[in-house]
């Protein structure tokens, strides 16, 4: 076997090994992006677009309210955009994702939400903030390129009076 074939085979093996070992990091990074896209859409005035972070059959649940399907999630979240004096910012940390299968995972995201419906302009006061502290309990689906939220259960730990 020529040295070219040997070095070519080693290069191919190295590329394949690198691709396989990077898969968990790619999935985790893609899921973080889905988590951040969800909140950015809500916070920056396009709450209906937050539903694009979900699978077509995705679910979103807060207490007794359970929304099933991307269309139902979009419809519900788009109502936030109708509140004229609303300002919010989601601060998300401790994003952990674990993969039970190649295309299905689960995760936990700590969230602190600053929100008001009483803003007099583009900047609100911090009175009574943060509004909510808790976590999301998520399930994710990976399609080889994108991570989408298949299920999000919102679990409160602290609420402002």
N, C-alpha and C. Protein backbone atom coordinates (compact mmCIF):
# COMPACT_ATOMS: atom_id res chain seq x y z
N UNK A 1 0.85 -1.17 0.00
CA UNK A 1 0.00 0.00 0.00
C UNK A 1 0.90 1.23 0.00
N UNK A 2 0.55 2.18 -0.83
CA UNK A 2 1.38 3.39 -0.93
C UNK A 2 1.22 4.23 0.33
N UNK A 3 2.22 5.07 0.55
CA UNK A 3 2.16 5.94 1.73
C UNK A 3 1.02 6.94 1.62
N UNK A 4 0.64 7.29 0.36
CA UNK A 4 -0.49 8.20 0.16
C UNK A 4 -1.78 7.58 0.68
N UNK A 5 -2.00 6.31 0.34
CA UNK A 5 -3.21 5.63 0.79
C UNK A 5 -3.23 5.50 2.30
N UNK A 6 -2.07 5.17 2.88
CA UNK A 6 -2.00 5.06 4.34
C UNK A 6 -2.32 6.39 4.99
N UNK A 7 -1.71 7.48 4.53
CA UNK A 7 -1.95 8.78 5.14
C UNK A 7 -3.37 9.25 4.87
N UNK A 8 -3.91 8.93 3.68
CA UNK A 8 -5.30 9.28 3.36
C UNK A 8 -6.27 8.55 4.26
N UNK A 9 -6.00 7.27 4.51
CA UNK A 9 -6.87 6.48 5.39
C UNK A 9 -6.81 7.01 6.82
N UNK A 10 -5.62 7.38 7.25
CA UNK A 10 -5.49 7.94 8.59
C UNK A 10 -6.22 9.28 8.70
N UNK A 11 -6.14 10.09 7.67
CA UNK A 11 -6.83 11.37 7.68
C UNK A 11 -8.34 11.15 7.73
N UNK A 12 -8.86 10.25 6.92
CA UNK A 12 -10.29 9.96 6.92
C UNK A 12 -10.74 9.43 8.28
N UNK A 13 -9.96 8.53 8.85
CA UNK A 13 -10.29 7.98 10.17
C UNK A 13 -10.29 9.09 11.21
N UNK A 14 -9.34 10.00 11.12
CA UNK A 14 -9.26 11.11 12.06
C UNK A 14 -10.47 12.04 11.93
N UNK A 15 -10.88 12.32 10.69
CA UNK A 15 -12.05 13.18 10.45
C UNK A 15 -13.31 12.52 11.00
N UNK A 16 -13.49 11.23 10.74
CA UNK A 16 -14.66 10.52 11.23
C UNK A 16 -14.68 10.46 12.75
N UNK A 17 -13.55 10.20 13.36
CA UNK A 17 -13.47 10.15 14.81
C UNK A 17 -13.79 11.51 15.42
N UNK A 18 -13.26 12.57 14.82
CA UNK A 18 -13.54 13.92 15.31
C UNK A 18 -15.01 14.24 15.17
N UNK A 19 -15.64 13.90 14.05
CA UNK A 19 -17.06 14.16 13.84
C UNK A 19 -17.90 13.41 14.87
N UNK A 20 -17.54 12.17 15.15
CA UNK A 20 -18.31 11.38 16.12
C UNK A 20 -18.16 11.93 17.53
N UNK A 21 -16.97 12.34 17.91
CA UNK A 21 -16.78 12.85 19.27
C UNK A 21 -17.37 14.24 19.43
N UNK A 22 -17.56 14.99 18.35
CA UNK A 22 -18.14 16.32 18.45
C UNK A 22 -19.67 16.31 18.44
N UNK A 23 -20.29 15.18 18.14
CA UNK A 23 -21.75 15.14 18.06
C UNK A 23 -22.44 15.58 19.34
N UNK A 24 -22.05 15.12 20.52
CA UNK A 24 -22.74 15.60 21.73
C UNK A 24 -22.59 17.12 21.90
N UNK A 25 -21.43 17.66 21.58
CA UNK A 25 -21.24 19.10 21.70
C UNK A 25 -22.08 19.86 20.68
N UNK A 26 -22.20 19.32 19.47
CA UNK A 26 -23.03 19.96 18.46
C UNK A 26 -24.49 19.97 18.89
N UNK A 27 -24.96 18.87 19.42
CA UNK A 27 -26.35 18.81 19.88
C UNK A 27 -26.57 19.77 21.04
N UNK A 28 -25.65 19.77 22.00
CA UNK A 28 -25.79 20.66 23.15
C UNK A 28 -25.80 22.12 22.71
N UNK A 29 -24.90 22.48 21.81
CA UNK A 29 -24.84 23.85 21.31
C UNK A 29 -26.11 24.22 20.55
N UNK A 30 -26.62 23.30 19.74
CA UNK A 30 -27.85 23.56 18.99
C UNK A 30 -29.05 23.72 19.93
N UNK A 31 -29.08 22.94 21.01
CA UNK A 31 -30.19 23.05 21.97
C UNK A 31 -30.10 24.36 22.75
N UNK A 32 -28.88 24.77 23.10
CA UNK A 32 -28.73 26.08 23.75
C UNK A 32 -29.26 27.17 22.84
N UNK A 33 -28.97 27.07 21.56
CA UNK A 33 -29.45 28.06 20.60
C UNK A 33 -30.98 28.07 20.56
N UNK A 34 -31.62 26.91 20.57
CA UNK A 34 -33.09 26.85 20.59
C UNK A 34 -33.64 27.51 21.85
N UNK A 35 -33.01 27.23 22.99
CA UNK A 35 -33.42 27.83 24.27
C UNK A 35 -33.31 29.35 24.19
N UNK A 36 -32.18 29.84 23.68
CA UNK A 36 -31.98 31.29 23.59
C UNK A 36 -32.89 31.93 22.56
N UNK A 37 -33.13 31.26 21.42
CA UNK A 37 -34.02 31.81 20.40
C UNK A 37 -35.44 31.98 20.93
N UNK A 38 -35.89 31.03 21.72
CA UNK A 38 -37.21 31.09 22.33
C UNK A 38 -37.36 32.38 23.14
N UNK A 39 -36.42 32.62 24.03
CA UNK A 39 -36.51 33.79 24.91
C UNK A 39 -36.28 35.09 24.17
N UNK A 40 -35.35 35.10 23.23
CA UNK A 40 -35.09 36.33 22.47
C UNK A 40 -36.32 36.75 21.69
N UNK A 41 -37.03 35.78 21.11
CA UNK A 41 -38.24 36.11 20.35
C UNK A 41 -39.29 36.75 21.26
N UNK A 42 -39.45 36.20 22.46
CA UNK A 42 -40.42 36.77 23.40
C UNK A 42 -39.97 38.16 23.85
N UNK A 43 -38.71 38.27 24.26
CA UNK A 43 -38.22 39.53 24.82
C UNK A 43 -38.10 40.66 23.81
N UNK A 44 -37.84 40.33 22.55
CA UNK A 44 -37.58 41.37 21.56
C UNK A 44 -38.77 41.64 20.65
N UNK A 45 -39.97 41.29 21.13
CA UNK A 45 -41.17 41.72 20.45
C UNK A 45 -41.73 40.81 19.41
N UNK A 46 -41.29 39.55 19.36
CA UNK A 46 -41.83 38.58 18.40
C UNK A 46 -42.19 37.28 19.12
N UNK A 47 -43.04 37.38 20.15
CA UNK A 47 -43.31 36.19 20.96
C UNK A 47 -43.93 35.04 20.17
N UNK A 48 -44.69 35.34 19.12
CA UNK A 48 -45.25 34.26 18.31
C UNK A 48 -44.17 33.43 17.63
N UNK A 49 -43.02 34.07 17.33
CA UNK A 49 -41.90 33.36 16.70
C UNK A 49 -41.21 32.39 17.66
N UNK A 50 -41.45 32.55 18.95
CA UNK A 50 -40.82 31.65 19.93
C UNK A 50 -41.23 30.20 19.68
N UNK A 51 -42.41 30.03 19.10
CA UNK A 51 -42.90 28.67 18.82
C UNK A 51 -42.03 27.94 17.80
N UNK A 52 -41.25 28.68 17.01
CA UNK A 52 -40.37 28.04 16.02
C UNK A 52 -39.26 27.23 16.68
N UNK A 53 -39.07 27.40 17.98
CA UNK A 53 -38.08 26.62 18.73
C UNK A 53 -38.62 25.23 19.07
N UNK A 54 -39.90 24.99 18.79
CA UNK A 54 -40.56 23.73 19.14
C UNK A 54 -40.76 22.84 17.93
N UNK A 55 -40.88 21.54 18.19
CA UNK A 55 -41.28 20.62 17.13
C UNK A 55 -42.74 20.90 16.76
N UNK A 56 -43.18 20.37 15.63
CA UNK A 56 -44.58 20.56 15.20
C UNK A 56 -45.56 20.06 16.27
N UNK A 57 -45.22 18.97 16.95
CA UNK A 57 -46.10 18.40 17.97
C UNK A 57 -45.66 18.78 19.38
N UNK A 58 -44.79 19.76 19.50
CA UNK A 58 -44.24 20.14 20.80
C UNK A 58 -45.30 20.56 21.80
N UNK A 59 -44.95 20.45 23.08
CA UNK A 59 -45.85 20.89 24.14
C UNK A 59 -45.16 21.91 25.03
N UNK A 60 -45.97 22.81 25.56
CA UNK A 60 -45.53 23.88 26.47
C UNK A 60 -46.50 23.86 27.62
N UNK A 61 -45.97 23.78 28.86
CA UNK A 61 -46.86 23.66 30.01
C UNK A 61 -46.40 24.53 31.15
N UNK A 62 -47.37 25.24 31.72
CA UNK A 62 -47.17 26.03 32.94
C UNK A 62 -48.37 25.76 33.82
N UNK A 63 -48.15 25.02 34.91
CA UNK A 63 -49.25 24.65 35.78
C UNK A 63 -50.27 23.82 35.04
N UNK A 64 -51.52 24.22 35.13
CA UNK A 64 -52.61 23.49 34.48
C UNK A 64 -52.72 23.80 32.99
N UNK A 65 -52.08 24.89 32.56
CA UNK A 65 -52.15 25.28 31.14
C UNK A 65 -51.15 24.45 30.34
N UNK A 66 -51.68 23.62 29.45
CA UNK A 66 -50.83 22.79 28.59
C UNK A 66 -51.21 23.04 27.14
N UNK A 67 -50.25 23.50 26.37
CA UNK A 67 -50.45 23.78 24.95
C UNK A 67 -49.82 22.65 24.15
N UNK A 68 -50.55 22.14 23.18
CA UNK A 68 -50.05 21.03 22.38
C UNK A 68 -49.99 21.44 20.92
N UNK A 69 -48.79 21.35 20.34
CA UNK A 69 -48.58 21.69 18.95
C UNK A 69 -48.01 23.09 18.78
N UNK A 70 -47.14 23.23 17.79
CA UNK A 70 -46.48 24.52 17.52
C UNK A 70 -47.50 25.63 17.27
N UNK A 71 -48.58 25.33 16.54
CA UNK A 71 -49.58 26.36 16.24
C UNK A 71 -50.26 26.87 17.51
N UNK A 72 -50.60 25.99 18.44
CA UNK A 72 -51.22 26.41 19.70
C UNK A 72 -50.25 27.22 20.55
N UNK A 73 -48.99 26.82 20.56
CA UNK A 73 -47.97 27.56 21.30
C UNK A 73 -47.81 28.95 20.70
N UNK A 74 -47.73 29.04 19.38
CA UNK A 74 -47.58 30.34 18.70
C UNK A 74 -48.78 31.24 18.99
N UNK A 75 -49.97 30.69 18.94
CA UNK A 75 -51.18 31.47 19.19
C UNK A 75 -51.17 32.04 20.61
N UNK A 76 -50.84 31.21 21.58
CA UNK A 76 -50.82 31.66 22.97
C UNK A 76 -49.74 32.71 23.20
N UNK A 77 -48.53 32.44 22.75
CA UNK A 77 -47.43 33.36 23.00
C UNK A 77 -47.58 34.67 22.24
N UNK A 78 -48.23 34.63 21.08
CA UNK A 78 -48.40 35.86 20.30
C UNK A 78 -49.27 36.87 21.04
N UNK A 79 -50.09 36.41 21.98
CA UNK A 79 -50.90 37.33 22.79
C UNK A 79 -50.04 38.25 23.64
N UNK A 80 -48.82 37.81 23.96
CA UNK A 80 -47.91 38.66 24.73
C UNK A 80 -47.57 39.93 23.95
N UNK A 81 -47.48 39.80 22.63
CA UNK A 81 -47.17 40.95 21.79
C UNK A 81 -48.28 41.97 21.73
N UNK A 82 -49.46 41.61 22.18
CA UNK A 82 -50.60 42.53 22.16
C UNK A 82 -50.65 43.42 23.40
N UNK A 83 -49.80 43.12 24.38
CA UNK A 83 -49.77 43.92 25.60
C UNK A 83 -48.86 45.13 25.36
N UNK A 84 -49.44 46.34 25.27
CA UNK A 84 -48.67 47.51 24.80
C UNK A 84 -47.54 47.96 25.72
N UNK A 85 -47.65 47.76 27.01
CA UNK A 85 -46.63 48.27 27.94
C UNK A 85 -45.79 47.15 28.54
N UNK A 86 -45.68 46.05 27.84
CA UNK A 86 -44.95 44.88 28.35
C UNK A 86 -43.48 44.94 27.93
N UNK A 87 -42.62 44.70 28.90
CA UNK A 87 -41.18 44.54 28.66
C UNK A 87 -40.76 43.31 29.45
N UNK A 88 -39.97 42.43 28.84
CA UNK A 88 -39.46 41.28 29.56
C UNK A 88 -38.03 40.97 29.14
N UNK A 89 -37.33 40.32 30.02
CA UNK A 89 -36.00 39.79 29.73
C UNK A 89 -35.86 38.47 30.49
N UNK A 90 -35.55 37.42 29.74
CA UNK A 90 -35.28 36.10 30.31
C UNK A 90 -33.77 35.96 30.49
N UNK A 91 -33.35 35.61 31.69
CA UNK A 91 -31.95 35.31 31.95
C UNK A 91 -31.88 33.80 32.20
N UNK A 92 -31.13 33.10 31.35
CA UNK A 92 -31.09 31.64 31.41
C UNK A 92 -29.67 31.17 31.72
N UNK A 93 -29.57 30.24 32.65
CA UNK A 93 -28.27 29.70 33.04
C UNK A 93 -28.40 28.21 33.30
N UNK A 94 -27.26 27.61 33.61
CA UNK A 94 -27.21 26.19 33.99
C UNK A 94 -27.94 25.31 32.98
N UNK A 95 -27.69 25.56 31.70
CA UNK A 95 -28.32 24.76 30.65
C UNK A 95 -27.59 23.43 30.56
N UNK A 96 -28.33 22.38 30.86
CA UNK A 96 -27.76 21.03 30.84
C UNK A 96 -28.60 20.19 29.90
N UNK A 97 -27.95 19.50 28.97
CA UNK A 97 -28.69 18.58 28.10
C UNK A 97 -28.00 17.23 28.12
N UNK A 98 -28.80 16.20 28.20
CA UNK A 98 -28.32 14.82 28.19
C UNK A 98 -29.04 14.09 27.07
N UNK A 99 -28.33 13.19 26.42
CA UNK A 99 -28.88 12.48 25.26
C UNK A 99 -29.02 11.01 25.59
N UNK A 100 -30.27 10.55 25.61
CA UNK A 100 -30.55 9.14 25.87
C UNK A 100 -30.41 8.34 24.57
N UNK A 101 -30.66 9.00 23.45
CA UNK A 101 -30.57 8.39 22.12
C UNK A 101 -29.87 9.39 21.22
N UNK A 102 -29.54 8.98 20.00
CA UNK A 102 -28.85 9.87 19.08
C UNK A 102 -29.68 11.10 18.73
N UNK A 103 -31.01 10.98 18.74
CA UNK A 103 -31.83 12.11 18.32
C UNK A 103 -32.83 12.57 19.38
N UNK A 104 -32.74 12.06 20.60
CA UNK A 104 -33.65 12.47 21.67
C UNK A 104 -32.87 12.73 22.95
N UNK A 105 -33.15 13.88 23.54
CA UNK A 105 -32.47 14.24 24.76
C UNK A 105 -33.40 14.95 25.72
N UNK A 106 -32.86 15.30 26.86
CA UNK A 106 -33.62 16.05 27.85
C UNK A 106 -32.69 17.09 28.45
N UNK A 107 -33.29 18.08 29.10
CA UNK A 107 -32.47 19.13 29.66
C UNK A 107 -33.19 19.93 30.72
N UNK A 108 -32.39 20.68 31.44
CA UNK A 108 -32.87 21.59 32.46
C UNK A 108 -32.25 22.95 32.20
N UNK A 109 -33.06 23.98 32.31
CA UNK A 109 -32.60 25.35 32.10
C UNK A 109 -33.11 26.19 33.26
N UNK A 110 -32.21 26.80 34.03
CA UNK A 110 -32.64 27.73 35.06
C UNK A 110 -33.02 29.03 34.38
N UNK A 111 -34.12 29.64 34.84
CA UNK A 111 -34.58 30.88 34.22
C UNK A 111 -34.98 31.89 35.30
N UNK A 112 -34.54 33.12 35.08
CA UNK A 112 -34.97 34.27 35.88
C UNK A 112 -35.64 35.21 34.90
N UNK A 113 -36.88 35.58 35.20
CA UNK A 113 -37.64 36.43 34.29
C UNK A 113 -37.92 37.76 34.95
N UNK A 114 -37.50 38.81 34.25
CA UNK A 114 -37.86 40.18 34.62
C UNK A 114 -38.95 40.59 33.66
N UNK A 115 -40.11 41.00 34.18
CA UNK A 115 -41.22 41.32 33.31
C UNK A 115 -42.14 42.34 33.95
N UNK A 116 -42.64 43.25 33.14
CA UNK A 116 -43.63 44.20 33.60
C UNK A 116 -44.62 44.48 32.48
N UNK A 117 -45.80 44.81 32.87
CA UNK A 117 -46.83 45.24 31.92
C UNK A 117 -47.17 46.70 32.14
N UNK A 118 -46.31 47.39 32.89
CA UNK A 118 -46.59 48.77 33.27
C UNK A 118 -45.49 49.73 32.83
N UNK A 119 -44.75 49.41 31.81
CA UNK A 119 -43.67 50.28 31.33
C UNK A 119 -44.26 51.55 30.72
N UNK A 120 -43.64 52.69 31.06
CA UNK A 120 -44.09 53.97 30.49
C UNK A 120 -43.30 54.33 29.25
N UNK A 121 -42.36 53.51 28.87
CA UNK A 121 -41.53 53.75 27.70
C UNK A 121 -40.68 52.52 27.45
N UNK A 122 -39.55 52.71 26.77
CA UNK A 122 -38.71 51.55 26.43
C UNK A 122 -37.90 50.99 27.60
N UNK A 123 -37.90 51.70 28.74
CA UNK A 123 -37.16 51.25 29.92
C UNK A 123 -38.13 51.20 31.10
N UNK A 124 -38.11 50.11 31.84
CA UNK A 124 -39.01 49.93 32.99
C UNK A 124 -38.23 50.01 34.29
N UNK A 125 -38.94 50.27 35.38
CA UNK A 125 -38.31 50.24 36.69
C UNK A 125 -38.17 48.80 37.15
N UNK A 126 -37.32 48.56 38.12
CA UNK A 126 -37.06 47.21 38.62
C UNK A 126 -37.94 46.86 39.81
N UNK A 127 -38.91 47.70 40.13
CA UNK A 127 -39.79 47.46 41.27
C UNK A 127 -40.45 46.08 41.15
N UNK A 128 -40.35 45.30 42.23
CA UNK A 128 -40.98 43.99 42.26
C UNK A 128 -40.33 42.94 41.37
N UNK A 129 -39.05 43.09 41.08
CA UNK A 129 -38.37 42.17 40.17
C UNK A 129 -37.33 41.34 40.92
N UNK A 130 -37.00 40.16 40.47
CA UNK A 130 -37.50 39.50 39.27
C UNK A 130 -38.93 39.01 39.47
N UNK A 131 -39.62 38.86 38.38
CA UNK A 131 -41.01 38.44 38.38
C UNK A 131 -41.14 36.94 38.66
N UNK A 132 -40.18 36.17 38.14
CA UNK A 132 -40.24 34.71 38.22
C UNK A 132 -38.84 34.14 38.26
N UNK A 133 -38.63 33.14 39.10
CA UNK A 133 -37.38 32.35 39.10
C UNK A 133 -37.80 30.89 39.16
N UNK A 134 -37.24 30.11 38.29
CA UNK A 134 -37.57 28.68 38.26
C UNK A 134 -36.72 27.97 37.23
N UNK A 135 -37.28 26.93 36.64
CA UNK A 135 -36.54 26.23 35.60
C UNK A 135 -37.49 25.64 34.57
N UNK A 136 -36.93 25.35 33.41
CA UNK A 136 -37.62 24.63 32.36
C UNK A 136 -37.14 23.19 32.43
N UNK A 137 -38.05 22.28 32.35
CA UNK A 137 -37.71 20.86 32.20
C UNK A 137 -38.04 20.53 30.75
N UNK A 138 -37.02 20.35 29.94
CA UNK A 138 -37.20 20.20 28.50
C UNK A 138 -36.91 18.79 28.02
N UNK A 139 -37.55 18.44 26.89
CA UNK A 139 -37.16 17.30 26.08
C UNK A 139 -36.83 17.85 24.70
N UNK A 140 -35.77 17.33 24.09
CA UNK A 140 -35.28 17.84 22.81
C UNK A 140 -35.31 16.76 21.74
N UNK A 141 -35.42 17.20 20.50
CA UNK A 141 -35.27 16.31 19.36
C UNK A 141 -34.22 16.91 18.43
N UNK A 142 -33.35 16.07 17.94
CA UNK A 142 -32.23 16.46 17.07
C UNK A 142 -32.47 15.86 15.70
N UNK A 143 -32.45 16.72 14.65
CA UNK A 143 -32.70 16.22 13.29
C UNK A 143 -31.41 16.09 12.47
N UNK A 144 -30.28 16.17 13.13
CA UNK A 144 -29.00 16.08 12.45
C UNK A 144 -28.36 17.45 12.25
N UNK A 145 -29.16 18.49 12.29
CA UNK A 145 -28.68 19.87 12.13
C UNK A 145 -29.21 20.77 13.24
N UNK A 146 -30.50 20.64 13.52
CA UNK A 146 -31.17 21.52 14.49
C UNK A 146 -31.66 20.73 15.69
N UNK A 147 -31.70 21.43 16.80
CA UNK A 147 -32.34 20.91 18.00
C UNK A 147 -33.64 21.68 18.17
N UNK A 148 -34.72 20.96 18.41
CA UNK A 148 -36.00 21.59 18.67
C UNK A 148 -36.53 21.11 20.01
N UNK A 149 -37.31 21.95 20.65
CA UNK A 149 -37.90 21.60 21.94
C UNK A 149 -39.15 20.76 21.66
N UNK A 150 -39.17 19.55 22.18
CA UNK A 150 -40.33 18.68 22.01
C UNK A 150 -41.31 18.86 23.17
N UNK A 151 -40.78 19.22 24.33
CA UNK A 151 -41.64 19.45 25.50
C UNK A 151 -40.94 20.43 26.42
N UNK A 152 -41.71 21.39 26.93
CA UNK A 152 -41.19 22.34 27.92
C UNK A 152 -42.20 22.42 29.05
N UNK A 153 -41.76 22.06 30.24
CA UNK A 153 -42.57 22.21 31.45
C UNK A 153 -41.89 23.30 32.27
N UNK A 154 -42.65 24.34 32.56
CA UNK A 154 -42.12 25.48 33.31
C UNK A 154 -42.42 25.25 34.79
N UNK A 155 -41.34 25.22 35.59
CA UNK A 155 -41.46 24.89 37.00
C UNK A 155 -41.05 26.11 37.84
N UNK A 156 -42.02 26.78 38.47
CA UNK A 156 -41.69 27.94 39.30
C UNK A 156 -41.01 27.53 40.60
N UNK A 157 -40.10 28.37 41.07
CA UNK A 157 -39.51 28.23 42.39
C UNK A 157 -39.83 29.47 43.23
N UNK A 158 -39.83 30.64 42.62
CA UNK A 158 -40.14 31.90 43.28
C UNK A 158 -41.00 32.77 42.35
N UNK A 159 -42.00 33.42 42.92
CA UNK A 159 -42.82 34.37 42.20
C UNK A 159 -42.88 35.67 42.99
N UNK A 160 -42.89 36.80 42.29
CA UNK A 160 -43.02 38.09 42.96
C UNK A 160 -44.48 38.27 43.38
N UNK A 161 -44.65 38.87 44.54
CA UNK A 161 -46.02 39.15 45.03
C UNK A 161 -46.77 40.06 44.10
